N, C-alpha and C. Protein backbone atom coordinates (compact mmCIF):
# COMPACT_ATOMS: atom_id res chain seq x y z
N MET A 1 90.87 109.41 68.81
CA MET A 1 90.13 108.91 67.61
C MET A 1 91.30 108.51 66.56
N LYS A 2 91.28 107.34 66.27
CA LYS A 2 92.26 106.82 65.30
C LYS A 2 91.69 106.82 63.84
N LEU A 3 92.59 107.27 63.00
CA LEU A 3 92.15 107.32 61.54
C LEU A 3 93.19 106.50 60.75
N ILE A 4 92.60 105.53 60.12
CA ILE A 4 93.51 104.52 59.34
C ILE A 4 93.00 104.51 57.96
N LEU A 5 93.78 104.88 56.99
CA LEU A 5 93.44 104.79 55.77
C LEU A 5 94.37 103.94 54.92
N ASP A 6 93.90 103.14 54.01
CA ASP A 6 94.69 102.16 53.27
C ASP A 6 94.99 102.93 51.88
N THR A 7 96.16 102.79 51.37
CA THR A 7 96.57 103.40 50.09
C THR A 7 95.85 102.79 48.91
N MET A 8 95.44 101.61 49.00
CA MET A 8 94.76 101.03 47.92
C MET A 8 93.26 101.48 47.85
N SER A 9 92.63 101.71 48.86
CA SER A 9 91.25 102.10 48.94
C SER A 9 91.13 103.62 48.84
N CYS A 10 92.19 104.47 49.02
CA CYS A 10 92.18 105.88 49.04
C CYS A 10 92.10 106.39 47.64
N PRO A 11 91.25 107.33 47.28
CA PRO A 11 91.40 108.07 45.98
C PRO A 11 92.69 108.78 45.87
N ALA A 12 93.00 108.99 44.63
CA ALA A 12 94.45 109.69 44.38
C ALA A 12 94.38 111.14 44.91
N HIS A 13 93.42 111.73 44.97
CA HIS A 13 93.37 113.22 45.40
C HIS A 13 93.39 113.35 46.96
N LEU A 14 93.32 112.28 47.80
CA LEU A 14 93.34 112.40 49.18
C LEU A 14 94.70 111.82 49.70
N PRO A 15 95.24 112.60 50.68
CA PRO A 15 96.57 112.12 51.21
C PRO A 15 96.30 111.12 52.16
N VAL A 16 97.36 110.13 52.35
CA VAL A 16 97.29 109.15 53.36
C VAL A 16 97.63 109.72 54.70
N VAL A 17 96.82 109.44 55.80
CA VAL A 17 97.04 110.06 57.04
C VAL A 17 97.63 108.95 57.87
N PRO A 18 98.80 109.02 58.47
CA PRO A 18 99.30 108.01 59.30
C PRO A 18 98.58 107.93 60.63
N THR A 19 98.59 106.81 61.24
CA THR A 19 97.87 106.60 62.57
C THR A 19 98.69 107.25 63.60
N LYS A 20 98.00 107.64 64.71
CA LYS A 20 98.57 108.24 65.88
C LYS A 20 98.72 107.16 66.92
N ARG A 21 99.84 106.91 67.43
CA ARG A 21 100.21 105.81 68.40
C ARG A 21 99.93 106.40 69.80
N HIS A 22 99.15 105.66 70.60
CA HIS A 22 98.99 106.07 72.03
C HIS A 22 100.12 105.45 72.86
N ARG A 23 100.77 106.37 73.51
CA ARG A 23 101.93 106.01 74.24
C ARG A 23 101.62 105.53 75.63
N GLU A 24 101.86 104.27 76.00
CA GLU A 24 101.54 103.54 77.20
C GLU A 24 102.44 104.10 78.27
N PRO A 25 101.82 104.34 79.54
CA PRO A 25 102.70 104.80 80.70
C PRO A 25 103.63 103.76 81.10
N PRO A 26 104.80 104.14 81.57
CA PRO A 26 105.73 102.97 82.01
C PRO A 26 105.08 102.20 83.14
N MET A 27 105.42 100.85 83.28
CA MET A 27 104.93 99.95 84.23
C MET A 27 105.82 100.09 85.46
N ILE A 28 105.34 100.27 86.57
CA ILE A 28 105.99 100.30 87.82
C ILE A 28 105.67 99.00 88.62
N ASP A 29 106.65 98.34 88.89
CA ASP A 29 106.34 97.09 89.71
C ASP A 29 107.16 97.11 90.93
N ILE A 30 106.64 97.39 92.08
CA ILE A 30 107.31 97.46 93.44
C ILE A 30 106.61 96.46 94.33
N ASN A 31 107.51 95.65 94.86
CA ASN A 31 107.10 94.56 95.85
C ASN A 31 107.69 94.93 97.14
N PRO A 32 107.08 94.50 98.32
CA PRO A 32 107.68 94.78 99.57
C PRO A 32 108.96 93.96 99.74
N ASN A 33 109.89 94.80 100.38
CA ASN A 33 111.19 94.20 100.58
C ASN A 33 111.35 93.62 101.98
N GLY A 34 111.48 92.29 102.12
CA GLY A 34 111.54 91.71 103.38
C GLY A 34 112.76 91.82 104.01
N THR A 35 113.92 92.28 103.44
CA THR A 35 115.19 92.37 104.01
C THR A 35 115.70 93.71 104.03
N GLY A 36 114.87 94.81 103.71
CA GLY A 36 115.37 96.08 103.48
C GLY A 36 115.66 96.89 104.77
N LEU A 37 114.94 96.56 105.78
CA LEU A 37 115.09 97.21 107.15
C LEU A 37 115.89 96.33 108.12
N PRO A 38 116.76 97.03 108.86
CA PRO A 38 117.32 96.22 109.98
C PRO A 38 116.37 95.88 111.10
N GLY A 39 116.30 94.67 111.55
CA GLY A 39 115.47 94.28 112.59
C GLY A 39 114.07 93.84 112.08
N ILE A 40 113.91 93.50 110.92
CA ILE A 40 112.61 93.18 110.35
C ILE A 40 112.19 91.79 110.84
N GLU A 41 113.18 90.93 111.04
CA GLU A 41 112.83 89.53 111.66
C GLU A 41 112.26 89.66 113.07
N GLN A 42 113.06 90.56 113.90
CA GLN A 42 112.52 90.84 115.27
C GLN A 42 111.13 91.38 115.21
N LEU A 43 110.90 92.28 114.27
CA LEU A 43 109.48 92.81 114.21
C LEU A 43 108.43 91.81 113.86
N ARG A 44 108.85 90.96 113.00
CA ARG A 44 107.87 89.71 112.70
C ARG A 44 107.65 88.97 113.90
N VAL A 45 108.66 88.65 114.72
CA VAL A 45 108.47 87.84 115.92
C VAL A 45 107.58 88.58 116.97
N ILE A 46 107.78 89.99 117.04
CA ILE A 46 106.98 90.74 117.98
C ILE A 46 105.65 90.73 117.59
N VAL A 47 105.24 91.01 116.26
CA VAL A 47 103.89 91.00 115.75
C VAL A 47 103.16 89.59 115.97
N GLY A 48 103.96 88.58 115.76
CA GLY A 48 103.44 87.20 116.09
C GLY A 48 103.10 87.00 117.46
N ALA A 49 104.04 87.47 118.42
CA ALA A 49 103.73 87.49 119.84
C ALA A 49 102.41 88.29 120.21
N VAL A 50 102.32 89.34 119.64
CA VAL A 50 101.14 90.18 119.94
C VAL A 50 99.78 89.62 119.38
N MET A 51 99.92 88.92 118.32
CA MET A 51 98.74 88.15 117.80
C MET A 51 98.40 86.95 118.77
N THR A 52 99.36 86.33 119.28
CA THR A 52 99.21 85.21 120.20
C THR A 52 98.58 85.69 121.55
N ILE A 53 99.07 86.86 121.99
CA ILE A 53 98.52 87.46 123.24
C ILE A 53 97.08 87.91 122.99
N GLY A 54 96.71 88.50 121.74
CA GLY A 54 95.47 88.77 121.56
C GLY A 54 94.45 87.68 121.38
N LEU A 55 95.00 86.54 120.92
CA LEU A 55 94.04 85.33 120.89
C LEU A 55 93.89 84.77 122.29
N VAL A 56 94.90 84.71 123.10
CA VAL A 56 94.83 84.33 124.44
C VAL A 56 93.71 85.22 125.32
N LEU A 57 93.87 86.50 125.08
CA LEU A 57 93.11 87.36 125.83
C LEU A 57 91.64 87.23 125.32
N SER A 58 91.47 86.97 123.99
CA SER A 58 90.15 86.69 123.53
C SER A 58 89.36 85.61 124.14
N VAL A 59 90.18 84.40 124.27
CA VAL A 59 89.69 83.28 124.93
C VAL A 59 89.28 83.52 126.34
N LEU A 60 90.27 84.27 127.08
CA LEU A 60 89.98 84.59 128.44
C LEU A 60 88.71 85.48 128.47
N ALA A 61 88.66 86.46 127.72
CA ALA A 61 87.35 87.24 127.63
C ALA A 61 86.03 86.47 127.44
N LEU A 62 86.21 85.55 126.48
CA LEU A 62 84.99 84.70 126.18
C LEU A 62 84.60 83.88 127.41
N ILE A 63 85.50 83.36 128.11
CA ILE A 63 85.30 82.52 129.30
C ILE A 63 84.50 83.37 130.41
N VAL A 64 85.10 84.65 130.60
CA VAL A 64 84.53 85.52 131.62
C VAL A 64 83.15 85.96 131.18
N ALA A 65 83.14 86.36 129.95
CA ALA A 65 81.75 86.80 129.48
C ALA A 65 80.64 85.66 129.50
N ALA A 66 81.00 84.45 129.18
CA ALA A 66 80.17 83.32 129.33
C ALA A 66 79.70 83.11 130.75
N ILE A 67 80.57 83.18 131.67
CA ILE A 67 80.31 83.09 133.04
C ILE A 67 79.26 84.18 133.46
N VAL A 68 79.60 85.44 133.14
CA VAL A 68 78.78 86.51 133.45
C VAL A 68 77.34 86.21 132.84
N TRP A 69 77.29 85.87 131.66
CA TRP A 69 76.00 85.60 130.91
C TRP A 69 75.22 84.57 131.75
N ARG A 70 75.91 83.43 132.10
CA ARG A 70 75.18 82.44 132.81
C ARG A 70 74.78 82.79 134.15
N PHE A 71 75.54 83.62 134.91
CA PHE A 71 75.37 84.13 136.14
C PHE A 71 74.00 85.06 136.08
N GLY A 72 73.97 85.90 135.06
CA GLY A 72 72.75 86.83 134.77
C GLY A 72 71.68 86.13 134.48
N ALA A 73 71.79 85.02 133.68
CA ALA A 73 70.54 84.24 133.27
C ALA A 73 69.99 83.53 134.51
N ASN A 74 70.86 82.97 135.33
CA ASN A 74 70.41 82.21 136.53
C ASN A 74 69.82 83.07 137.63
N SER A 75 70.27 84.24 137.65
CA SER A 75 69.87 85.12 138.74
C SER A 75 68.59 86.00 138.33
N SER A 76 68.12 85.83 137.16
CA SER A 76 66.98 86.57 136.59
C SER A 76 67.37 88.01 136.54
N ASN A 77 68.57 88.29 136.13
CA ASN A 77 69.17 89.69 136.00
C ASN A 77 69.27 89.97 134.51
N PRO A 78 68.41 90.48 133.73
CA PRO A 78 68.47 90.68 132.33
C PRO A 78 69.53 91.58 131.93
N HIS A 79 69.90 92.68 132.73
CA HIS A 79 71.05 93.54 132.40
C HIS A 79 72.36 92.84 132.41
N LEU A 80 72.57 92.00 133.43
CA LEU A 80 73.90 91.27 133.48
C LEU A 80 73.90 90.28 132.37
N ALA A 81 72.80 89.56 132.12
CA ALA A 81 72.84 88.57 130.87
C ALA A 81 73.07 89.25 129.66
N SER A 82 72.47 90.48 129.49
CA SER A 82 72.75 91.14 128.21
C SER A 82 74.29 91.54 128.11
N ARG A 83 74.82 92.07 129.17
CA ARG A 83 76.24 92.36 129.22
C ARG A 83 77.15 91.10 128.89
N GLY A 84 76.76 89.96 129.45
CA GLY A 84 77.39 88.79 129.15
C GLY A 84 77.36 88.33 127.64
N LYS A 85 76.21 88.59 127.04
CA LYS A 85 76.03 88.34 125.61
C LYS A 85 76.86 89.12 124.82
N THR A 86 76.89 90.31 125.11
CA THR A 86 77.69 91.42 124.48
C THR A 86 79.19 91.11 124.62
N GLY A 87 79.65 90.63 125.81
CA GLY A 87 80.92 90.40 125.92
C GLY A 87 81.42 89.14 125.13
N VAL A 88 80.49 88.12 124.98
CA VAL A 88 80.82 86.96 124.25
C VAL A 88 80.81 87.34 122.77
N MET A 89 80.05 88.14 122.13
CA MET A 89 80.18 88.61 120.81
C MET A 89 81.47 89.29 120.62
N VAL A 90 81.78 90.31 121.49
CA VAL A 90 82.96 91.00 121.31
C VAL A 90 84.25 90.22 121.33
N ALA A 91 84.26 89.17 122.23
CA ALA A 91 85.38 88.31 122.34
C ALA A 91 85.47 87.45 121.10
N CYS A 92 84.33 86.95 120.57
CA CYS A 92 84.49 86.20 119.32
C CYS A 92 84.84 87.09 118.21
N GLY A 93 84.42 88.29 118.20
CA GLY A 93 84.97 89.29 117.04
C GLY A 93 86.36 89.55 117.08
N ALA A 94 86.84 89.77 118.34
CA ALA A 94 88.25 90.13 118.60
C ALA A 94 89.12 88.93 118.18
N ALA A 95 88.70 87.60 118.49
CA ALA A 95 89.39 86.40 118.01
C ALA A 95 89.37 86.29 116.56
N ILE A 96 88.29 86.52 115.84
CA ILE A 96 88.31 86.55 114.46
C ILE A 96 89.27 87.56 113.71
N ILE A 97 89.26 88.75 114.29
CA ILE A 97 90.10 89.79 113.69
C ILE A 97 91.60 89.41 113.97
N CYS A 98 91.90 88.97 115.10
CA CYS A 98 93.29 88.46 115.40
C CYS A 98 93.75 87.35 114.50
N GLY A 99 92.86 86.45 114.40
CA GLY A 99 93.17 85.20 113.60
C GLY A 99 93.24 85.56 112.03
N ALA A 100 92.50 86.44 111.49
CA ALA A 100 92.33 86.76 110.16
C ALA A 100 93.13 87.99 109.65
N ALA A 101 93.91 88.56 110.61
CA ALA A 101 94.56 89.89 110.36
C ALA A 101 95.61 89.60 109.18
N VAL A 102 96.32 88.57 109.13
CA VAL A 102 97.20 88.37 108.00
C VAL A 102 96.57 88.18 106.66
N THR A 103 95.50 87.38 106.74
CA THR A 103 94.65 87.12 105.54
C THR A 103 94.02 88.43 105.08
N LEU A 104 93.42 89.25 105.94
CA LEU A 104 92.86 90.44 105.53
C LEU A 104 93.91 91.39 104.89
N VAL A 105 94.96 91.56 105.51
CA VAL A 105 95.96 92.44 104.89
C VAL A 105 96.41 91.98 103.61
N ASN A 106 96.67 90.61 103.42
CA ASN A 106 97.09 90.05 102.05
C ASN A 106 95.96 90.28 101.09
N PHE A 107 94.62 90.10 101.45
CA PHE A 107 93.58 90.36 100.54
C PHE A 107 93.56 91.77 100.07
N PHE A 108 93.58 92.67 100.94
CA PHE A 108 93.50 94.14 100.48
C PHE A 108 94.74 94.59 99.90
N TRP A 109 95.94 93.95 100.24
CA TRP A 109 97.18 94.21 99.36
C TRP A 109 96.96 93.77 97.88
N ASN A 110 96.50 92.60 97.68
CA ASN A 110 96.24 92.07 96.27
C ASN A 110 95.10 92.88 95.53
N VAL A 111 94.01 93.38 96.34
CA VAL A 111 93.07 94.28 95.77
C VAL A 111 93.71 95.50 95.28
N GLY A 112 94.52 96.10 96.25
CA GLY A 112 95.18 97.41 95.87
C GLY A 112 96.13 97.34 94.70
N ARG A 113 96.77 96.12 94.56
CA ARG A 113 97.69 95.92 93.42
C ARG A 113 96.95 95.83 92.07
N SER A 114 95.79 95.37 92.15
CA SER A 114 95.04 95.07 90.88
C SER A 114 94.31 96.39 90.42
N VAL A 115 94.30 97.43 91.18
CA VAL A 115 93.65 98.61 90.77
C VAL A 115 94.40 99.43 89.84
């Protein structure tokens, strides 16, 4: 609670009480260091290659699951068709996660910095 009194509006018998200043905590600003570790560029290349492999495998899984879904639907096998549908959804989800990984990490990094 801050108490501020002006000397002009204060009666003569009351002392002037100085205000208490709230001390701000020091600001810490730390950013990721892209050159701090040896081999960081090779690690970026490896992560990029893993993302590419993930996307290629997602497309392959999508093709296989679509074939299974079509085979199950044509042969009147609802269990096989259901497995194919599930495989298509999983393959699409994996492709979305692989493609959006960098954007998701950057989004949550910025949210964490704003807290």
